[in-house]
Amino acid sequence: IAVLGKTMVEEDEENMSLFEAFCEAATPLEICPETFFEKR
């Protein structure tokens, strides 16, 4: 597993803006709680 996020290259404002727009518009998938596996 790997975790990705907003680039921190300050000069790259376009990528930052595009990523922020995506995060604002998209509906994230919620991670299941641990109890889901415990019940199974």
PDB file of all heavy atoms in Angstrom:
ATOM      1  N   ILE A   1       0.837  -1.188   0.000  1.00  0.00           N
ATOM      2  CA  ILE A   1       0.000   0.000   0.000  1.00  0.00           C
ATOM      3  C   ILE A   1       0.879   1.248   0.000  1.00  0.00           C
ATOM      4  O   ILE A   1       1.970   1.259   0.586  1.00  0.00           O
ATOM      5  CB  ILE A   1      -0.955   0.008   1.218  1.00  0.00           C
ATOM      6  CG1 ILE A   1      -2.036   1.078   1.058  1.00  0.00           C
ATOM      7  CG2 ILE A   1      -0.206   0.184   2.529  1.00  0.00           C
ATOM      8  CD1 ILE A   1      -3.161   0.955   2.068  1.00  0.00           C
ATOM      9  N   ALA A   2       0.429   2.268  -0.698  1.00  0.00           N
ATOM     10  CA  ALA A   2       1.138   3.539  -0.742  1.00  0.00           C
ATOM     11  C   ALA A   2       0.120   4.667  -0.618  1.00  0.00           C
ATOM     12  O   ALA A   2      -1.045   4.516  -0.990  1.00  0.00           O
ATOM     13  CB  ALA A   2       1.925   3.675  -2.041  1.00  0.00           C
ATOM     14  N   VAL A   3       0.568   5.796  -0.079  1.00  0.00           N
ATOM     15  CA  VAL A   3      -0.292   6.953   0.136  1.00  0.00           C
ATOM     16  C   VAL A   3       0.208   8.109  -0.731  1.00  0.00           C
ATOM     17  O   VAL A   3       1.390   8.464  -0.683  1.00  0.00           O
ATOM     18  CB  VAL A   3      -0.291   7.384   1.618  1.00  0.00           C
ATOM     19  CG1 VAL A   3      -1.254   8.554   1.831  1.00  0.00           C
ATOM     20  CG2 VAL A   3      -0.670   6.215   2.526  1.00  0.00           C
ATOM     21  N   LEU A   4      -0.692   8.670  -1.525  1.00  0.00           N
ATOM     22  CA  LEU A   4      -0.384   9.809  -2.394  1.00  0.00           C
ATOM     23  C   LEU A   4      -1.172  11.021  -1.936  1.00  0.00           C
ATOM     24  O   LEU A   4      -2.223  10.893  -1.306  1.00  0.00           O
ATOM     25  CB  LEU A   4      -0.747   9.488  -3.849  1.00  0.00           C
ATOM     26  CG  LEU A   4      -0.314   8.136  -4.415  1.00  0.00           C
ATOM     27  CD1 LEU A   4      -0.837   7.974  -5.841  1.00  0.00           C
ATOM     28  CD2 LEU A   4       1.192   7.987  -4.375  1.00  0.00           C
ATOM     29  N   GLY A   5      -0.664  12.209  -2.270  1.00  0.00           N
ATOM     30  CA  GLY A   5      -1.370  13.433  -1.900  1.00  0.00           C
ATOM     31  C   GLY A   5      -0.870  14.608  -2.707  1.00  0.00           C
ATOM     32  O   GLY A   5      -0.154  14.442  -3.692  1.00  0.00           O
ATOM     33  N   LYS A   6      -1.221  15.784  -2.265  1.00  0.00           N
ATOM     34  CA  LYS A   6      -0.874  16.997  -3.001  1.00  0.00           C
ATOM     35  C   LYS A   6       0.635  17.168  -3.100  1.00  0.00           C
ATOM     36  O   LYS A   6       1.347  17.009  -2.119  1.00  0.00           O
ATOM     37  CB  LYS A   6      -1.491  18.216  -2.322  1.00  0.00           C
ATOM     38  CG  LYS A   6      -1.241  19.522  -3.053  1.00  0.00           C
ATOM     39  CD  LYS A   6      -2.074  20.659  -2.499  1.00  0.00           C
ATOM     40  CE  LYS A   6      -1.644  21.065  -1.112  1.00  0.00           C
ATOM     41  NZ  LYS A   6      -2.354  22.278  -0.644  1.00  0.00           N
ATOM     42  N   THR A   7       1.104  17.460  -4.303  1.00  0.00           N
ATOM     43  CA  THR A   7       2.531  17.734  -4.471  1.00  0.00           C
ATOM     44  C   THR A   7       2.891  19.003  -3.709  1.00  0.00           C
ATOM     45  O   THR A   7       2.115  19.952  -3.647  1.00  0.00           O
ATOM     46  CB  THR A   7       2.891  17.887  -5.958  1.00  0.00           C
ATOM     47  OG1 THR A   7       4.274  18.251  -6.050  1.00  0.00           O
ATOM     48  CG2 THR A   7       2.049  18.939  -6.644  1.00  0.00           C
ATOM     49  N   MET A   8       4.083  19.006  -3.129  1.00  0.00           N
ATOM     50  CA  MET A   8       4.511  20.155  -2.344  1.00  0.00           C
ATOM     51  C   MET A   8       5.519  21.033  -3.086  1.00  0.00           C
ATOM     52  O   MET A   8       6.247  21.810  -2.471  1.00  0.00           O
ATOM     53  CB  MET A   8       5.120  19.677  -1.017  1.00  0.00           C
ATOM     54  CG  MET A   8       4.113  18.999  -0.116  1.00  0.00           C
ATOM     55  SD  MET A   8       2.699  20.078   0.269  1.00  0.00           S
ATOM     56  CE  MET A   8       1.708  18.987   1.275  1.00  0.00           C
ATOM     57  N   VAL A   9       5.587  20.876  -4.396  1.00  0.00           N
ATOM     58  CA  VAL A   9       6.468  21.718  -5.200  1.00  0.00           C
ATOM     59  C   VAL A   9       5.793  23.077  -5.362  1.00  0.00           C
ATOM     60  O   VAL A   9       4.797  23.220  -6.077  1.00  0.00           O
ATOM     61  CB  VAL A   9       6.744  21.090  -6.578  1.00  0.00           C
ATOM     62  CG1 VAL A   9       7.667  21.979  -7.405  1.00  0.00           C
ATOM     63  CG2 VAL A   9       7.353  19.697  -6.411  1.00  0.00           C
ATOM     64  N   GLU A  10       6.308  24.062  -4.668  1.00  0.00           N
ATOM     65  CA  GLU A  10       5.639  25.361  -4.600  1.00  0.00           C
ATOM     66  C   GLU A  10       5.483  26.023  -5.963  1.00  0.00           C
ATOM     67  O   GLU A  10       4.539  26.771  -6.209  1.00  0.00           O
ATOM     68  CB  GLU A  10       6.415  26.292  -3.662  1.00  0.00           C
ATOM     69  CG  GLU A  10       6.398  25.807  -2.213  1.00  0.00           C
ATOM     70  CD  GLU A  10       7.228  26.685  -1.317  1.00  0.00           C
ATOM     71  OE1 GLU A  10       7.816  27.666  -1.829  1.00  0.00           O
ATOM     72  OE2 GLU A  10       7.301  26.395  -0.104  1.00  0.00           O
ATOM     73  N   GLU A  11       6.429  25.737  -6.861  1.00  0.00           N
ATOM     74  CA  GLU A  11       6.365  26.358  -8.179  1.00  0.00           C
ATOM     75  C   GLU A  11       5.273  25.761  -9.055  1.00  0.00           C
ATOM     76  O   GLU A  11       4.920  26.313 -10.091  1.00  0.00           O
ATOM     77  CB  GLU A  11       7.721  26.224  -8.900  1.00  0.00           C
ATOM     78  CG  GLU A  11       8.883  26.898  -8.196  1.00  0.00           C
ATOM     79  CD  GLU A  11       9.450  26.063  -7.049  1.00  0.00           C
ATOM     80  OE1 GLU A  11       9.039  24.891  -6.936  1.00  0.00           O
ATOM     81  OE2 GLU A  11      10.267  26.592  -6.280  1.00  0.00           O
ATOM     82  N   ASP A  12       4.759  24.605  -8.644  1.00  0.00           N
ATOM     83  CA  ASP A  12       3.795  23.875  -9.478  1.00  0.00           C
ATOM     84  C   ASP A  12       2.371  24.185  -9.034  1.00  0.00           C
ATOM     85  O   ASP A  12       1.626  23.305  -8.603  1.00  0.00           O
ATOM     86  CB  ASP A  12       4.083  22.379  -9.410  1.00  0.00           C
ATOM     87  CG  ASP A  12       3.526  21.635 -10.618  1.00  0.00           C
ATOM     88  OD1 ASP A  12       2.795  22.261 -11.406  1.00  0.00           O
ATOM     89  OD2 ASP A  12       3.821  20.452 -10.762  1.00  0.00           O
ATOM     90  N   GLU A  13       1.978  25.428  -9.136  1.00  0.00           N
ATOM     91  CA  GLU A  13       0.664  25.839  -8.660  1.00  0.00           C
ATOM     92  C   GLU A  13      -0.476  25.215  -9.456  1.00  0.00           C
ATOM     93  O   GLU A  13      -1.554  24.951  -8.914  1.00  0.00           O
ATOM     94  CB  GLU A  13       0.553  27.367  -8.707  1.00  0.00           C
ATOM     95  CG  GLU A  13       1.470  28.078  -7.721  1.00  0.00           C
ATOM     96  CD  GLU A  13       1.296  29.579  -7.755  1.00  0.00           C
ATOM     97  OE1 GLU A  13       0.373  30.048  -8.466  1.00  0.00           O
ATOM     98  OE2 GLU A  13       2.070  30.274  -7.083  1.00  0.00           O
ATOM     99  N   GLU A  14      -0.239  24.956 -10.752  1.00  0.00           N
ATOM    100  CA  GLU A  14      -1.304  24.382 -11.585  1.00  0.00           C
ATOM    101  C   GLU A  14      -1.692  22.996 -11.086  1.00  0.00           C
ATOM    102  O   GLU A  14      -2.886  22.684 -10.954  1.00  0.00           O
ATOM    103  CB  GLU A  14      -0.865  24.300 -13.048  1.00  0.00           C
ATOM    104  CG  GLU A  14      -1.973  23.768 -13.955  1.00  0.00           C
ATOM    105  CD  GLU A  14      -1.544  23.694 -15.414  1.00  0.00           C
ATOM    106  OE1 GLU A  14      -0.403  24.091 -15.728  1.00  0.00           O
ATOM    107  OE2 GLU A  14      -2.358  23.233 -16.217  1.00  0.00           O
ATOM    108  N   ASN A  15      -0.697  22.140 -10.802  1.00  0.00           N
ATOM    109  CA  ASN A  15      -1.002  20.804 -10.295  1.00  0.00           C
ATOM    110  C   ASN A  15      -1.696  20.873  -8.941  1.00  0.00           C
ATOM    111  O   ASN A  15      -2.622  20.108  -8.665  1.00  0.00           O
ATOM    112  CB  ASN A  15       0.281  19.972 -10.180  1.00  0.00           C
ATOM    113  CG  ASN A  15       0.619  19.265 -11.476  1.00  0.00           C
ATOM    114  OD1 ASN A  15      -0.203  18.548 -12.044  1.00  0.00           O
ATOM    115  ND2 ASN A  15       1.816  19.498 -11.978  1.00  0.00           N
ATOM    116  N   MET A  16      -1.241  21.779  -8.093  1.00  0.00           N
ATOM    117  CA  MET A  16      -1.886  21.936  -6.779  1.00  0.00           C
ATOM    118  C   MET A  16      -3.355  22.310  -6.936  1.00  0.00           C
ATOM    119  O   MET A  16      -4.227  21.755  -6.267  1.00  0.00           O
ATOM    120  CB  MET A  16      -1.158  23.017  -5.973  1.00  0.00           C
ATOM    121  CG  MET A  16       0.184  22.600  -5.432  1.00  0.00           C
ATOM    122  SD  MET A  16       0.861  23.899  -4.370  1.00  0.00           S
ATOM    123  CE  MET A  16       2.378  23.121  -3.800  1.00  0.00           C
ATOM    124  N   SER A  17      -3.613  23.244  -7.841  1.00  0.00           N
ATOM    125  CA  SER A  17      -4.994  23.705  -8.048  1.00  0.00           C
ATOM    126  C   SER A  17      -5.870  22.594  -8.612  1.00  0.00           C
ATOM    127  O   SER A  17      -7.023  22.413  -8.195  1.00  0.00           O
ATOM    128  CB  SER A  17      -5.017  24.907  -8.990  1.00  0.00           C
ATOM    129  OG  SER A  17      -4.329  25.989  -8.425  1.00  0.00           O
ATOM    130  N   LEU A  18      -5.336  21.828  -9.571  1.00  0.00           N
ATOM    131  CA  LEU A  18      -6.099  20.728 -10.166  1.00  0.00           C
ATOM    132  C   LEU A  18      -6.416  19.657  -9.124  1.00  0.00           C
ATOM    133  O   LEU A  18      -7.520  19.111  -9.082  1.00  0.00           O
ATOM    134  CB  LEU A  18      -5.337  20.124 -11.339  1.00  0.00           C
ATOM    135  CG  LEU A  18      -5.277  20.970 -12.612  1.00  0.00           C
ATOM    136  CD1 LEU A  18      -4.291  20.369 -13.619  1.00  0.00           C
ATOM    137  CD2 LEU A  18      -6.662  21.094 -13.251  1.00  0.00           C
ATOM    138  N   PHE A  19      -5.435  19.353  -8.283  1.00  0.00           N
ATOM    139  CA  PHE A  19      -5.656  18.342  -7.249  1.00  0.00           C
ATOM    140  C   PHE A  19      -6.693  18.811  -6.239  1.00  0.00           C
ATOM    141  O   PHE A  19      -7.578  18.063  -5.835  1.00  0.00           O
ATOM    142  CB  PHE A  19      -4.343  18.010  -6.546  1.00  0.00           C
ATOM    143  CG  PHE A  19      -4.487  16.960  -5.482  1.00  0.00           C
ATOM    144  CD1 PHE A  19      -4.708  15.633  -5.828  1.00  0.00           C
ATOM    145  CD2 PHE A  19      -4.419  17.289  -4.142  1.00  0.00           C
ATOM    146  CE1 PHE A  19      -4.857  14.658  -4.850  1.00  0.00           C
ATOM    147  CE2 PHE A  19      -4.567  16.326  -3.163  1.00  0.00           C
ATOM    148  CZ  PHE A  19      -4.788  15.006  -3.520  1.00  0.00           C
ATOM    149  N   GLU A  20      -6.584  20.058  -5.823  1.00  0.00           N
ATOM    150  CA  GLU A  20      -7.548  20.598  -4.862  1.00  0.00           C
ATOM    151  C   GLU A  20      -8.963  20.610  -5.439  1.00  0.00           C
ATOM    152  O   GLU A  20      -9.938  20.321  -4.736  1.00  0.00           O
ATOM    153  CB  GLU A  20      -7.123  22.008  -4.443  1.00  0.00           C
ATOM    154  CG  GLU A  20      -5.890  22.016  -3.545  1.00  0.00           C
ATOM    155  CD  GLU A  20      -5.336  23.406  -3.326  1.00  0.00           C
ATOM    156  OE1 GLU A  20      -5.865  24.364  -3.947  1.00  0.00           O
ATOM    157  OE2 GLU A  20      -4.382  23.544  -2.539  1.00  0.00           O
ATOM    158  N   ALA A  21      -9.077  20.927  -6.743  1.00  0.00           N
ATOM    159  CA  ALA A  21     -10.394  20.920  -7.393  1.00  0.00           C
ATOM    160  C   ALA A  21     -10.969  19.506  -7.433  1.00  0.00           C
ATOM    161  O   ALA A  21     -12.171  19.297  -7.228  1.00  0.00           O
ATOM    162  CB  ALA A  21     -10.286  21.494  -8.799  1.00  0.00           C
ATOM    163  N   PHE A  22     -10.103  18.528  -7.704  1.00  0.00           N
ATOM    164  CA  PHE A  22     -10.541  17.133  -7.721  1.00  0.00           C
ATOM    165  C   PHE A  22     -11.058  16.721  -6.340  1.00  0.00           C
ATOM    166  O   PHE A  22     -12.134  16.125  -6.213  1.00  0.00           O
ATOM    167  CB  PHE A  22      -9.384  16.221  -8.136  1.00  0.00           C
ATOM    168  CG  PHE A  22      -9.591  14.771  -7.806  1.00  0.00           C
ATOM    169  CD1 PHE A  22     -10.499  14.004  -8.533  1.00  0.00           C
ATOM    170  CD2 PHE A  22      -8.897  14.176  -6.759  1.00  0.00           C
ATOM    171  CE1 PHE A  22     -10.705  12.653  -8.223  1.00  0.00           C
ATOM    172  CE2 PHE A  22      -9.093  12.839  -6.446  1.00  0.00           C
ATOM    173  CZ  PHE A  22     -10.002  12.078  -7.171  1.00  0.00           C
ATOM    174  N   CYS A  23     -10.297  17.040  -5.296  1.00  0.00           N
ATOM    175  CA  CYS A  23     -10.696  16.664  -3.937  1.00  0.00           C
ATOM    176  C   CYS A  23     -12.013  17.312  -3.528  1.00  0.00           C
ATOM    177  O   CYS A  23     -12.824  16.708  -2.831  1.00  0.00           O
ATOM    178  CB  CYS A  23      -9.594  17.049  -2.944  1.00  0.00           C
ATOM    179  SG  CYS A  23      -8.070  16.116  -3.146  1.00  0.00           S
ATOM    180  N   GLU A  24     -12.211  18.527  -3.983  1.00  0.00           N
ATOM    181  CA  GLU A  24     -13.442  19.242  -3.637  1.00  0.00           C
ATOM    182  C   GLU A  24     -14.652  18.660  -4.346  1.00  0.00           C
ATOM    183  O   GLU A  24     -15.752  18.585  -3.780  1.00  0.00           O
ATOM    184  CB  GLU A  24     -13.284  20.722  -3.996  1.00  0.00           C
ATOM    185  CG  GLU A  24     -14.439  21.584  -3.539  1.00  0.00           C
ATOM    186  CD  GLU A  24     -14.213  23.064  -3.808  1.00  0.00           C
ATOM    187  OE1 GLU A  24     -13.047  23.474  -3.959  1.00  0.00           O
ATOM    188  OE2 GLU A  24     -15.218  23.799  -3.873  1.00  0.00           O
ATOM    189  N   ALA A  25     -14.461  18.200  -5.596  1.00  0.00           N
ATOM    190  CA  ALA A  25     -15.588  17.714  -6.393  1.00  0.00           C
ATOM    191  C   ALA A  25     -15.886  16.228  -6.170  1.00  0.00           C
ATOM    192  O   ALA A  25     -17.031  15.800  -6.274  1.00  0.00           O
ATOM    193  CB  ALA A  25     -15.312  17.955  -7.884  1.00  0.00           C
ATOM    194  N   ALA A  26     -14.859  15.437  -5.875  1.00  0.00           N
ATOM    195  CA  ALA A  26     -15.029  13.981  -5.788  1.00  0.00           C
ATOM    196  C   ALA A  26     -15.645  13.568  -4.454  1.00  0.00           C
ATOM    197  O   ALA A  26     -15.416  14.206  -3.422  1.00  0.00           O
ATOM    198  CB  ALA A  26     -13.681  13.289  -5.969  1.00  0.00           C
ATOM    199  N   THR A  27     -16.424  12.501  -4.493  1.00  0.00           N
ATOM    200  CA  THR A  27     -16.931  11.878  -3.270  1.00  0.00           C
ATOM    201  C   THR A  27     -15.986  10.740  -2.908  1.00  0.00           C
ATOM    202  O   THR A  27     -15.861   9.776  -3.665  1.00  0.00           O
ATOM    203  CB  THR A  27     -18.351  11.333  -3.467  1.00  0.00           C
ATOM    204  OG1 THR A  27     -19.215  12.392  -3.873  1.00  0.00           O
ATOM    205  CG2 THR A  27     -18.870  10.697  -2.186  1.00  0.00           C
ATOM    206  N   PRO A  28     -15.293  10.818  -1.788  1.00  0.00           N
ATOM    207  CA  PRO A  28     -14.321   9.769  -1.450  1.00  0.00           C
ATOM    208  C   PRO A  28     -15.005   8.472  -1.049  1.00  0.00           C
ATOM    209  O   PRO A  28     -16.165   8.467  -0.646  1.00  0.00           O
ATOM    210  CB  PRO A  28     -13.554  10.374  -0.269  1.00  0.00           C
ATOM    211  CG  PRO A  28     -14.531  11.312   0.363  1.00  0.00           C
ATOM    212  CD  PRO A  28     -15.352  11.877  -0.766  1.00  0.00           C
ATOM    213  N   LEU A  29     -14.270   7.374  -1.178  1.00  0.00           N
ATOM    214  CA  LEU A  29     -14.739   6.101  -0.641  1.00  0.00           C
ATOM    215  C   LEU A  29     -14.297   6.038   0.819  1.00  0.00           C
ATOM    216  O   LEU A  29     -13.115   6.210   1.124  1.00  0.00           O
ATOM    217  CB  LEU A  29     -14.138   4.928  -1.424  1.00  0.00           C
ATOM    218  CG  LEU A  29     -14.797   4.610  -2.761  1.00  0.00           C
ATOM    219  CD1 LEU A  29     -14.038   3.499  -3.485  1.00  0.00           C
ATOM    220  CD2 LEU A  29     -16.249   4.188  -2.571  1.00  0.00           C
ATOM    221  N   GLU A  30     -15.244   5.786   1.693  1.00  0.00           N
ATOM    222  CA  GLU A  30     -14.910   5.704   3.108  1.00  0.00           C
ATOM    223  C   GLU A  30     -14.295   4.340   3.417  1.00  0.00           C
ATOM    224  O   GLU A  30     -14.721   3.309   2.899  1.00  0.00           O
ATOM    225  CB  GLU A  30     -16.148   5.926   3.971  1.00  0.00           C
ATOM    226  CG  GLU A  30     -16.652   7.353   3.961  1.00  0.00           C
ATOM    227  CD  GLU A  30     -17.754   7.573   4.978  1.00  0.00           C
ATOM    228  OE1 GLU A  30     -18.148   6.587   5.646  1.00  0.00           O
ATOM    229  OE2 GLU A  30     -18.226   8.708   5.102  1.00  0.00           O
ATOM    230  N   ILE A  31     -13.286   4.357   4.266  1.00  0.00           N
ATOM    231  CA  ILE A  31     -12.638   3.121   4.683  1.00  0.00           C
ATOM    232  C   ILE A  31     -13.517   2.421   5.715  1.00  0.00           C
ATOM    233  O   ILE A  31     -14.044   3.062   6.638  1.00  0.00           O
ATOM    234  CB  ILE A  31     -11.251   3.424   5.267  1.00  0.00           C
ATOM    235  CG1 ILE A  31     -10.347   3.979   4.151  1.00  0.00           C
ATOM    236  CG2 ILE A  31     -10.629   2.195   5.890  1.00  0.00           C
ATOM    237  CD1 ILE A  31      -8.997   4.447   4.622  1.00  0.00           C
ATOM    238  N   CYS A  32     -13.668   1.119   5.561  1.00  0.00           N
ATOM    239  CA  CYS A  32     -14.530   0.377   6.479  1.00  0.00           C
ATOM    240  C   CYS A  32     -13.929   0.383   7.882  1.00  0.00           C
ATOM    241  O   CYS A  32     -12.712   0.413   8.048  1.00  0.00           O
ATOM    242  CB  CYS A  32     -14.724  -1.057   5.997  1.00  0.00           C
ATOM    243  SG  CYS A  32     -13.261  -2.089   6.181  1.00  0.00           S
ATOM    244  N   PRO A  33     -14.773   0.361   8.905  1.00  0.00           N
ATOM    245  CA  PRO A  33     -14.258   0.302  10.277  1.00  0.00           C
ATOM    246  C   PRO A  33     -13.694  -1.085  10.576  1.00  0.00           C
ATOM    247  O   PRO A  33     -14.048  -2.073   9.925  1.00  0.00           O
ATOM    248  CB  PRO A  33     -15.504   0.589  11.127  1.00  0.00           C
ATOM    249  CG  PRO A  33     -16.650   0.152  10.263  1.00  0.00           C
ATOM    250  CD  PRO A  33     -16.229   0.430   8.847  1.00  0.00           C
ATOM    251  N   GLU A  34     -12.802  -1.154  11.547  1.00  0.00           N
ATOM    252  CA  GLU A  34     -12.218  -2.445  11.935  1.00  0.00           C
ATOM    253  C   GLU A  34     -13.291  -3.440  12.352  1.00  0.00           C
ATOM    254  O   GLU A  34     -13.131  -4.650  12.175  1.00  0.00           O
ATOM    255  CB  GLU A  34     -11.245  -2.244  13.094  1.00  0.00           C
ATOM    256  CG  GLU A  34      -9.898  -1.702  12.695  1.00  0.00           C
ATOM    257  CD  GLU A  34      -8.968  -1.666  13.883  1.00  0.00           C
ATOM    258  OE1 GLU A  34      -8.311  -2.692  14.135  1.00  0.00           O
ATOM    259  OE2 GLU A  34      -8.921  -0.621  14.550  1.00  0.00           O
ATOM    260  N   THR A  35     -14.377  -2.923  12.912  1.00  0.00           N
ATOM    261  CA  THR A  35     -15.436  -3.815  13.393  1.00  0.00           C
ATOM    262  C   THR A  35     -16.043  -4.640  12.266  1.00  0.00           C
ATOM    263  O   THR A  35     -16.593  -5.712  12.499  1.00  0.00           O
ATOM    264  CB  THR A  35     -16.555  -3.006  14.071  1.00  0.00           C
ATOM    265  OG1 THR A  35     -16.974  -1.957  13.187  1.00  0.00           O
ATOM    266  CG2 THR A  35     -16.066  -2.393  15.375  1.00  0.00           C
ATOM    267  N   PHE A  36     -15.922  -4.156  11.010  1.00  0.00           N
ATOM    268  CA  PHE A  36     -16.465  -4.920   9.885  1.00  0.00           C
ATOM    269  C   PHE A  36     -15.791  -6.283   9.807  1.00  0.00           C
ATOM    270  O   PHE A  36     -16.442  -7.312   9.640  1.00  0.00           O
ATOM    271  CB  PHE A  36     -16.244  -4.154   8.576  1.00  0.00           C
ATOM    272  CG  PHE A  36     -16.657  -4.930   7.345  1.00  0.00           C
ATOM    273  CD1 PHE A  36     -17.988  -5.003   6.963  1.00  0.00           C
ATOM    274  CD2 PHE A  36     -15.712  -5.600   6.578  1.00  0.00           C
ATOM    275  CE1 PHE A  36     -18.366  -5.720   5.840  1.00  0.00           C
ATOM    276  CE2 PHE A  36     -16.088  -6.319   5.452  1.00  0.00           C
ATOM    277  CZ  PHE A  36     -17.420  -6.380   5.087  1.00  0.00           C
ATOM    278  N   PHE A  37     -14.464  -6.320   9.927  1.00  0.00           N
ATOM    279  CA  PHE A  37     -13.734  -7.581   9.857  1.00  0.00           C
ATOM    280  C   PHE A  37     -13.948  -8.427  11.102  1.00  0.00           C
ATOM    281  O   PHE A  37     -14.040  -9.650  11.030  1.00  0.00           O
ATOM    282  CB  PHE A  37     -12.236  -7.318   9.659  1.00  0.00           C
ATOM    283  CG  PHE A  37     -11.911  -6.710   8.321  1.00  0.00           C
ATOM    284  CD1 PHE A  37     -11.339  -5.462   8.235  1.00  0.00           C
ATOM    285  CD2 PHE A  37     -12.180  -7.394   7.137  1.00  0.00           C
ATOM    286  CE1 PHE A  37     -11.040  -4.894   7.009  1.00  0.00           C
ATOM    287  CE2 PHE A  37     -11.888  -6.832   5.917  1.00  0.00           C
ATOM    288  CZ  PHE A  37     -11.313  -5.589   5.848  1.00  0.00           C
ATOM    289  N   GLU A  38     -14.048  -7.775  12.241  1.00  0.00           N
ATOM    290  CA  GLU A  38     -14.263  -8.517  13.480  1.00  0.00           C
ATOM    291  C   GLU A  38     -15.579  -9.273  13.436  1.00  0.00           C
ATOM    292  O   GLU A  38     -15.671 -10.425  13.884  1.00  0.00           O
ATOM    293  CB  GLU A  38     -14.241  -7.555  14.672  1.00  0.00           C
ATOM    294  CG  GLU A  38     -12.866  -6.964  14.932  1.00  0.00           C
ATOM    295  CD  GLU A  38     -12.914  -5.817  15.916  1.00  0.00           C
ATOM    296  OE1 GLU A  38     -14.024  -5.503  16.402  1.00  0.00           O
ATOM    297  OE2 GLU A  38     -11.856  -5.220  16.188  1.00  0.00           O
ATOM    298  N   LYS A  39     -16.620  -8.647  12.880  1.00  0.00           N
ATOM    299  CA  LYS A  39     -17.917  -9.312  12.770  1.00  0.00           C
ATOM    300  C   LYS A  39     -17.826 -10.500  11.822  1.00  0.00           C
ATOM    301  O   LYS A  39     -18.442 -11.536  12.045  1.00  0.00           O
ATOM    302  CB  LYS A  39     -18.971  -8.324  12.276  1.00  0.00           C
ATOM    303  CG  LYS A  39     -19.374  -7.283  13.312  1.00  0.00           C
ATOM    304  CD  LYS A  39     -20.368  -6.288  12.732  1.00  0.00           C
ATOM    305  CE  LYS A  39     -20.747  -5.223  13.751  1.00  0.00           C
ATOM    306  NZ  LYS A  39     -21.674  -4.218  13.166  1.00  0.00           N
ATOM    307  N   ARG A  40     -17.068 -10.355  10.720  1.00  0.00           N
ATOM    308  CA  ARG A  40     -16.972 -11.443   9.736  1.00  0.00           C
ATOM    309  C   ARG A  40     -16.231 -12.644  10.304  1.00  0.00           C
ATOM    310  O   ARG A  40     -16.510 -13.776   9.973  1.00  0.00           O
ATOM    311  CB  ARG A  40     -16.266 -10.964   8.464  1.00  0.00           C
ATOM    312  CG  ARG A  40     -17.217 -10.442   7.400  1.00  0.00           C
ATOM    313  CD  ARG A  40     -17.908  -9.188   7.825  1.00  0.00           C
ATOM    314  NE  ARG A  40     -19.180  -8.933   7.154  1.00  0.00           N
ATOM    315  CZ  ARG A  40     -20.058  -8.073   7.627  1.00  0.00           C
ATOM    316  NH1 ARG A  40     -19.856  -7.450   8.760  1.00  0.00           N
ATOM    317  NH2 ARG A  40     -21.179  -7.844   6.990  1.00  0.00           N
TER     318      ARG A  40
END
